[in-house]
Protein backbone atom coordinates (compact mmCIF):
# COMPACT_ATOMS: atom_id res chain seq x y z
CA GLU A 1 14.28 6.28 5.58
CA GLY A 2 14.74 3.02 3.79
CA ASN A 3 16.17 -0.32 4.76
CA GLU A 4 19.82 0.65 4.06
CA PRO A 5 21.71 3.24 6.02
CA GLY A 6 21.70 6.49 4.06
CA ASP A 7 18.77 5.35 1.93
CA CYS A 8 16.40 8.25 2.27
CA CYS A 9 14.36 10.73 0.29
CA SER A 10 12.04 13.61 1.01
CA ILE A 11 9.00 15.10 -0.75
CA THR A 12 6.77 18.06 -0.16
CA PHE A 13 3.23 17.67 1.25
CA GLN A 14 1.90 18.82 -2.12
CA ASP A 15 3.85 16.10 -3.96
CA LEU A 16 2.69 13.51 -1.44
CA PHE A 17 -0.93 14.70 -1.86
CA ASP A 18 -0.69 14.51 -5.66
CA ARG A 19 0.73 10.95 -5.57
CA VAL A 20 -1.91 9.83 -3.10
CA VAL A 21 -4.73 11.24 -5.25
CA THR A 22 -3.26 9.61 -8.37
CA PHE A 23 -2.91 6.19 -6.70
CA SER A 24 -6.38 6.47 -5.18
CA ALA A 25 -7.73 6.83 -8.72
CA VAL A 26 -5.73 3.75 -9.80
CA LEU A 27 -7.25 1.73 -6.94
CA ARG A 28 -10.74 2.93 -7.84
CA SER A 29 -10.14 2.01 -11.52
CA HIS A 30 -9.45 -1.55 -10.33
CA GLY A 31 -12.76 -1.65 -8.52
CA ILE A 32 -11.57 -0.96 -4.94
CA LYS A 33 -14.18 0.81 -2.90
CA LYS A 34 -14.94 1.65 0.76
CA GLY A 35 -14.63 -1.37 3.01
CA ASP A 36 -12.53 -3.50 0.62
CA VAL A 37 -9.33 -5.01 1.97
CA VAL A 38 -6.09 -4.22 0.22
CA VAL A 39 -2.88 -6.12 1.08
CA ILE A 40 0.37 -4.20 0.70
CA TYR A 41 3.59 -6.19 0.28
CA LEU A 42 6.33 -3.58 -0.10
CA PRO A 43 9.70 -2.82 1.36
CA MET A 44 10.41 0.47 3.12
CA ILE A 45 10.01 2.68 0.03
CA LEU A 46 8.07 5.83 -0.57
CA GLU A 47 5.29 3.96 -2.33
CA LEU A 48 4.40 2.19 0.94
CA PRO A 49 2.94 5.21 2.79
CA ILE A 50 1.45 6.42 -0.54
CA ALA A 51 -0.42 3.15 -0.92
CA MET A 52 -1.56 3.28 2.78
CA LEU A 53 -2.79 6.82 2.51
CA SER A 54 -4.54 6.05 -0.81
CA CYS A 55 -6.45 3.27 0.86
CA ALA A 56 -7.45 5.58 3.65
CA ARG A 57 -8.53 8.23 1.22
CA ILE A 58 -11.07 5.95 -0.42
CA GLY A 59 -12.10 4.11 2.74
CA ALA A 60 -10.44 0.78 1.94
CA VAL A 61 -8.84 -1.23 4.68
CA HIS A 62 -5.12 -1.83 4.24
CA ALA A 63 -3.12 -4.73 5.62
CA VAL A 64 0.67 -4.27 5.42
CA VAL A 65 2.68 -7.53 5.18
CA PHE A 66 6.37 -7.33 6.01
CA ALA A 67 8.33 -7.67 2.77
CA GLY A 68 10.55 -10.40 4.29
CA PHE A 69 7.71 -12.90 4.62
CA SER A 70 7.64 -15.98 2.46
CA SER A 71 5.16 -16.51 -0.37
CA ASP A 72 3.26 -19.00 1.79
CA ALA A 73 2.91 -16.55 4.62
CA LEU A 74 1.81 -13.87 2.17
CA ALA A 75 -0.77 -16.21 0.60
CA ALA A 76 -2.12 -17.08 4.04
CA ARG A 77 -2.65 -13.43 4.91
CA ILE A 78 -4.28 -12.74 1.56
CA CYS A 79 -6.75 -15.59 2.19
CA GLN A 80 -7.34 -14.67 5.83
CA THR A 81 -8.19 -11.05 4.98
CA GLU A 82 -10.13 -11.90 1.85
CA ALA A 83 -8.23 -9.17 0.10
CA ARG A 84 -9.50 -7.76 -3.18
CA ILE A 85 -6.06 -6.68 -4.42
CA LEU A 86 -2.35 -7.09 -3.60
CA ILE A 87 0.07 -4.18 -4.06
CA THR A 88 3.68 -5.25 -4.61
């Protein structure tokens, strides 16, 4: 379910798996490897759990930042975690 009432979607496990594998390859192509920190700054959309699962699949650590935070708060979290990449 998304942020708005009635905002929802569903996918099959196979579709989820396919998307996670694809996004894991994208992360790897950007040099992300096991132990790297990835900051995720997304609203409640399907791509959020896909990004989280993709990080877990390759052994990267993910840090989810609430999408309502300001740019200064986001920048502080990126610096604190020494993130290699930001997903928006």
